[in-house]
Amino acid sequence: MSRLKIVGTKRTLTLGKELEIRRALSESHLYSSAFVVDVAERDAEGVPLRFVFTGAGWGHGVGLCQIGAAVMGEKGYAYHEILAHYYPGAEQKRLYP
């Protein structure tokens, strides 16, 4: 399992789960934990002072937003309507009696 370790002057934080990472880095919500971190500024000793996080995607990349699907469900949309929204043009058919 991959982990994110954040080392600061006041404390160190180690996060392992994707949702933990998203919650730690955003007060409201972070769409994905897929990001690249670059050092933007260093002090005279080479210690990083500032970082730039560049998003590398939104979620798992399979086309369905779990949060959006959950909200649609709460609003009364049926599962087949939610699937049609995220996968337009896809055929939905029952494979069992």
N, C-alpha and C. Protein backbone atom coordinates (compact mmCIF):
# COMPACT_ATOMS: atom_id res chain seq x y z
N MET A 1 0.84 -1.17 0.00
CA MET A 1 0.00 0.00 0.00
C MET A 1 0.89 1.24 0.00
N SER A 2 0.54 2.22 -0.81
CA SER A 2 1.26 3.49 -0.85
C SER A 2 0.74 4.38 0.27
N ARG A 3 1.63 5.22 0.77
CA ARG A 3 1.26 6.16 1.83
C ARG A 3 1.78 7.54 1.47
N LEU A 4 1.13 8.55 1.99
CA LEU A 4 1.57 9.93 1.85
C LEU A 4 2.06 10.39 3.21
N LYS A 5 3.31 10.84 3.26
CA LYS A 5 3.87 11.33 4.52
C LYS A 5 4.15 12.81 4.37
N ILE A 6 3.54 13.61 5.24
CA ILE A 6 3.72 15.05 5.24
C ILE A 6 4.51 15.40 6.48
N VAL A 7 5.70 15.97 6.29
CA VAL A 7 6.58 16.33 7.40
C VAL A 7 6.64 17.84 7.48
N GLY A 8 6.21 18.37 8.61
CA GLY A 8 6.24 19.81 8.82
C GLY A 8 7.10 20.17 10.01
N THR A 9 7.18 21.44 10.32
CA THR A 9 7.98 21.89 11.46
C THR A 9 7.28 21.61 12.79
N LYS A 10 5.96 21.48 12.77
CA LYS A 10 5.21 21.26 14.01
C LYS A 10 4.75 19.83 14.20
N ARG A 11 4.55 19.09 13.11
CA ARG A 11 4.13 17.70 13.22
C ARG A 11 4.32 16.95 11.92
N THR A 12 4.21 15.64 12.01
CA THR A 12 4.30 14.75 10.84
C THR A 12 2.98 13.99 10.74
N LEU A 13 2.50 13.87 9.53
CA LEU A 13 1.22 13.20 9.29
C LEU A 13 1.44 12.13 8.23
N THR A 14 1.04 10.90 8.51
CA THR A 14 1.13 9.82 7.54
C THR A 14 -0.27 9.35 7.21
N LEU A 15 -0.60 9.37 5.93
CA LEU A 15 -1.94 9.01 5.46
C LEU A 15 -1.82 7.84 4.50
N GLY A 16 -2.75 6.91 4.61
CA GLY A 16 -2.68 5.74 3.75
C GLY A 16 -3.86 5.59 2.82
N LYS A 17 -5.03 5.94 3.28
CA LYS A 17 -6.23 5.74 2.47
C LYS A 17 -6.50 6.96 1.61
N GLU A 18 -7.02 6.70 0.42
CA GLU A 18 -7.29 7.75 -0.55
C GLU A 18 -8.19 8.83 0.03
N LEU A 19 -9.24 8.45 0.74
CA LEU A 19 -10.16 9.43 1.31
C LEU A 19 -9.49 10.24 2.41
N GLU A 20 -8.60 9.63 3.19
CA GLU A 20 -7.84 10.36 4.22
C GLU A 20 -7.00 11.46 3.58
N ILE A 21 -6.37 11.14 2.47
CA ILE A 21 -5.53 12.11 1.77
C ILE A 21 -6.38 13.27 1.29
N ARG A 22 -7.49 12.97 0.66
CA ARG A 22 -8.37 14.02 0.14
C ARG A 22 -8.89 14.91 1.26
N ARG A 23 -9.28 14.33 2.38
CA ARG A 23 -9.80 15.12 3.51
C ARG A 23 -8.72 15.96 4.17
N ALA A 24 -7.50 15.44 4.24
CA ALA A 24 -6.41 16.18 4.88
C ALA A 24 -5.98 17.39 4.05
N LEU A 25 -6.11 17.30 2.74
CA LEU A 25 -5.62 18.36 1.87
C LEU A 25 -6.68 19.37 1.45
N SER A 26 -7.93 19.16 1.84
CA SER A 26 -8.99 20.08 1.44
C SER A 26 -10.04 20.18 2.53
N GLU A 27 -10.43 21.41 2.87
CA GLU A 27 -11.48 21.61 3.87
C GLU A 27 -12.85 21.23 3.34
N SER A 28 -13.09 21.46 2.04
CA SER A 28 -14.39 21.11 1.48
C SER A 28 -14.32 19.72 0.85
N HIS A 29 -13.68 19.60 -0.30
CA HIS A 29 -13.48 18.29 -0.92
C HIS A 29 -12.44 18.40 -2.03
N LEU A 30 -11.66 17.39 -2.16
CA LEU A 30 -10.67 17.27 -3.21
C LEU A 30 -11.19 16.18 -4.13
N TYR A 31 -11.32 16.49 -5.41
CA TYR A 31 -11.96 15.56 -6.34
C TYR A 31 -11.22 14.24 -6.48
N SER A 32 -9.92 14.26 -6.31
CA SER A 32 -9.15 13.04 -6.49
C SER A 32 -7.83 13.15 -5.74
N SER A 33 -7.29 12.03 -5.38
CA SER A 33 -5.96 12.02 -4.77
C SER A 33 -4.89 11.76 -5.85
N ALA A 34 -5.29 11.83 -7.10
CA ALA A 34 -4.34 11.68 -8.21
C ALA A 34 -3.75 13.05 -8.50
N PHE A 35 -2.55 13.29 -7.99
CA PHE A 35 -1.89 14.57 -8.22
C PHE A 35 -0.38 14.38 -8.20
N VAL A 36 0.29 15.37 -8.77
CA VAL A 36 1.75 15.41 -8.79
C VAL A 36 2.17 16.59 -7.94
N VAL A 37 3.20 16.40 -7.10
CA VAL A 37 3.68 17.45 -6.22
C VAL A 37 5.05 17.90 -6.69
N ASP A 38 5.19 19.21 -6.88
CA ASP A 38 6.48 19.79 -7.26
C ASP A 38 6.89 20.82 -6.22
N VAL A 39 8.18 20.92 -5.97
CA VAL A 39 8.71 21.94 -5.06
C VAL A 39 8.77 23.25 -5.84
N ALA A 40 8.11 24.30 -5.31
CA ALA A 40 8.07 25.58 -6.00
C ALA A 40 9.13 26.55 -5.46
N GLU A 41 9.54 26.33 -4.20
CA GLU A 41 10.49 27.26 -3.59
C GLU A 41 11.26 26.54 -2.48
N ARG A 42 12.55 26.83 -2.39
CA ARG A 42 13.40 26.25 -1.35
C ARG A 42 14.12 27.37 -0.60
N ASP A 43 14.50 27.09 0.65
CA ASP A 43 15.28 28.06 1.41
C ASP A 43 16.77 27.91 1.05
N ALA A 44 17.62 28.68 1.69
CA ALA A 44 19.06 28.68 1.38
C ALA A 44 19.71 27.31 1.59
N GLU A 45 19.15 26.50 2.51
CA GLU A 45 19.70 25.16 2.78
C GLU A 45 19.08 24.10 1.87
N GLY A 46 18.16 24.49 1.01
CA GLY A 46 17.54 23.54 0.11
C GLY A 46 16.28 22.89 0.65
N VAL A 47 15.82 23.34 1.81
CA VAL A 47 14.59 22.79 2.39
C VAL A 47 13.38 23.37 1.67
N PRO A 48 12.46 22.53 1.23
CA PRO A 48 11.28 23.04 0.52
C PRO A 48 10.45 23.96 1.41
N LEU A 49 10.04 25.09 0.83
CA LEU A 49 9.18 26.05 1.53
C LEU A 49 7.76 26.08 0.97
N ARG A 50 7.66 25.82 -0.32
CA ARG A 50 6.35 25.91 -0.96
C ARG A 50 6.24 24.83 -2.02
N PHE A 51 5.03 24.26 -2.15
CA PHE A 51 4.78 23.18 -3.10
C PHE A 51 3.64 23.57 -4.03
N VAL A 52 3.64 22.96 -5.21
CA VAL A 52 2.54 23.11 -6.16
C VAL A 52 1.98 21.72 -6.41
N PHE A 53 0.67 21.57 -6.20
CA PHE A 53 -0.03 20.32 -6.47
C PHE A 53 -0.75 20.47 -7.81
N THR A 54 -0.47 19.57 -8.74
CA THR A 54 -1.12 19.60 -10.04
C THR A 54 -1.98 18.35 -10.17
N GLY A 55 -3.27 18.57 -10.39
CA GLY A 55 -4.20 17.46 -10.51
C GLY A 55 -3.87 16.57 -11.69
N ALA A 56 -4.02 15.27 -11.49
CA ALA A 56 -3.71 14.31 -12.55
C ALA A 56 -4.93 13.48 -12.91
N GLY A 57 -6.11 13.92 -12.51
CA GLY A 57 -7.31 13.17 -12.85
C GLY A 57 -8.41 13.39 -11.84
N TRP A 58 -9.55 12.82 -12.13
CA TRP A 58 -10.71 12.90 -11.27
C TRP A 58 -11.17 11.48 -10.98
N GLY A 59 -10.77 10.93 -9.89
CA GLY A 59 -11.26 9.62 -9.51
C GLY A 59 -10.57 8.47 -10.22
N HIS A 60 -11.33 7.42 -10.50
CA HIS A 60 -10.77 6.18 -11.02
C HIS A 60 -10.63 6.14 -12.53
N GLY A 61 -11.25 7.09 -13.22
CA GLY A 61 -11.12 7.14 -14.66
C GLY A 61 -12.00 6.16 -15.42
N VAL A 62 -13.09 5.70 -14.80
CA VAL A 62 -13.97 4.76 -15.50
C VAL A 62 -15.28 5.41 -15.93
N GLY A 63 -15.44 6.70 -15.67
CA GLY A 63 -16.59 7.42 -16.20
C GLY A 63 -17.75 7.67 -15.25
N LEU A 64 -17.76 7.08 -14.08
CA LEU A 64 -18.88 7.28 -13.16
C LEU A 64 -18.38 7.96 -11.90
N CYS A 65 -18.99 9.09 -11.57
CA CYS A 65 -18.64 9.82 -10.35
C CYS A 65 -19.50 9.27 -9.21
N GLN A 66 -18.86 8.70 -8.20
CA GLN A 66 -19.61 8.11 -7.09
C GLN A 66 -20.44 9.15 -6.35
N ILE A 67 -19.88 10.32 -6.15
CA ILE A 67 -20.62 11.37 -5.44
C ILE A 67 -21.80 11.83 -6.28
N GLY A 68 -21.57 12.06 -7.57
CA GLY A 68 -22.66 12.48 -8.45
C GLY A 68 -23.76 11.44 -8.54
N ALA A 69 -23.38 10.17 -8.64
CA ALA A 69 -24.37 9.09 -8.71
C ALA A 69 -25.17 9.00 -7.41
N ALA A 70 -24.50 9.19 -6.29
CA ALA A 70 -25.19 9.15 -4.99
C ALA A 70 -26.19 10.30 -4.87
N VAL A 71 -25.79 11.49 -5.33
CA VAL A 71 -26.71 12.64 -5.29
C VAL A 71 -27.90 12.40 -6.21
N MET A 72 -27.66 11.85 -7.39
CA MET A 72 -28.77 11.54 -8.29
C MET A 72 -29.72 10.55 -7.64
N GLY A 73 -29.17 9.53 -6.96
CA GLY A 73 -30.00 8.56 -6.26
C GLY A 73 -30.83 9.20 -5.17
N GLU A 74 -30.21 10.12 -4.41
CA GLU A 74 -30.95 10.83 -3.35
C GLU A 74 -32.07 11.69 -3.92
N LYS A 75 -31.89 12.17 -5.15
CA LYS A 75 -32.90 13.01 -5.80
C LYS A 75 -34.01 12.18 -6.44
N GLY A 76 -33.89 10.86 -6.36
CA GLY A 76 -34.96 10.00 -6.86
C GLY A 76 -34.71 9.34 -8.20
N TYR A 77 -33.56 9.57 -8.80
CA TYR A 77 -33.27 8.90 -10.07
C TYR A 77 -33.10 7.40 -9.84
N ALA A 78 -33.60 6.60 -10.76
CA ALA A 78 -33.45 5.15 -10.70
C ALA A 78 -32.05 4.77 -11.22
N TYR A 79 -31.60 3.57 -10.85
CA TYR A 79 -30.25 3.14 -11.24
C TYR A 79 -30.04 3.19 -12.75
N HIS A 80 -31.09 2.81 -13.54
CA HIS A 80 -30.93 2.79 -14.99
C HIS A 80 -30.81 4.21 -15.55
N GLU A 81 -31.42 5.20 -14.89
CA GLU A 81 -31.28 6.59 -15.32
C GLU A 81 -29.88 7.12 -15.00
N ILE A 82 -29.36 6.73 -13.85
CA ILE A 82 -28.01 7.14 -13.46
C ILE A 82 -26.98 6.56 -14.42
N LEU A 83 -27.12 5.27 -14.73
CA LEU A 83 -26.20 4.64 -15.67
C LEU A 83 -26.28 5.29 -17.05
N ALA A 84 -27.49 5.63 -17.50
CA ALA A 84 -27.66 6.27 -18.81
C ALA A 84 -27.01 7.65 -18.82
N HIS A 85 -27.04 8.33 -17.69
CA HIS A 85 -26.41 9.66 -17.60
C HIS A 85 -24.90 9.55 -17.76
N TYR A 86 -24.28 8.59 -17.09
CA TYR A 86 -22.83 8.47 -17.12
C TYR A 86 -22.29 7.69 -18.32
N TYR A 87 -23.13 6.84 -18.90
CA TYR A 87 -22.72 6.03 -20.05
C TYR A 87 -23.73 6.19 -21.18
N PRO A 88 -23.83 7.40 -21.75
CA PRO A 88 -24.82 7.63 -22.81
C PRO A 88 -24.54 6.73 -24.01
N GLY A 89 -25.60 6.17 -24.55
CA GLY A 89 -25.47 5.30 -25.72
C GLY A 89 -25.22 3.84 -25.38
N ALA A 90 -24.91 3.56 -24.12
CA ALA A 90 -24.68 2.17 -23.72
C ALA A 90 -26.02 1.44 -23.63
N GLU A 91 -26.02 0.17 -24.00
CA GLU A 91 -27.23 -0.63 -23.90
C GLU A 91 -27.29 -1.29 -22.53
N GLN A 92 -28.43 -1.16 -21.89
CA GLN A 92 -28.65 -1.83 -20.61
C GLN A 92 -29.64 -2.96 -20.84
N LYS A 93 -29.25 -4.16 -20.46
CA LYS A 93 -30.18 -5.28 -20.60
C LYS A 93 -29.95 -6.28 -19.47
N ARG A 94 -31.02 -6.94 -19.09
CA ARG A 94 -30.99 -7.94 -18.04
C ARG A 94 -30.39 -9.22 -18.60
N LEU A 95 -29.44 -9.80 -17.87
CA LEU A 95 -28.80 -11.03 -18.30
C LEU A 95 -29.30 -12.26 -17.55
N TYR A 96 -30.23 -12.06 -16.65
CA TYR A 96 -30.79 -13.17 -15.88
C TYR A 96 -32.30 -12.99 -15.84
N PRO A 97 -33.05 -14.08 -15.58
CA PRO A 97 -34.54 -13.98 -15.60
C PRO A 97 -35.09 -13.09 -14.51
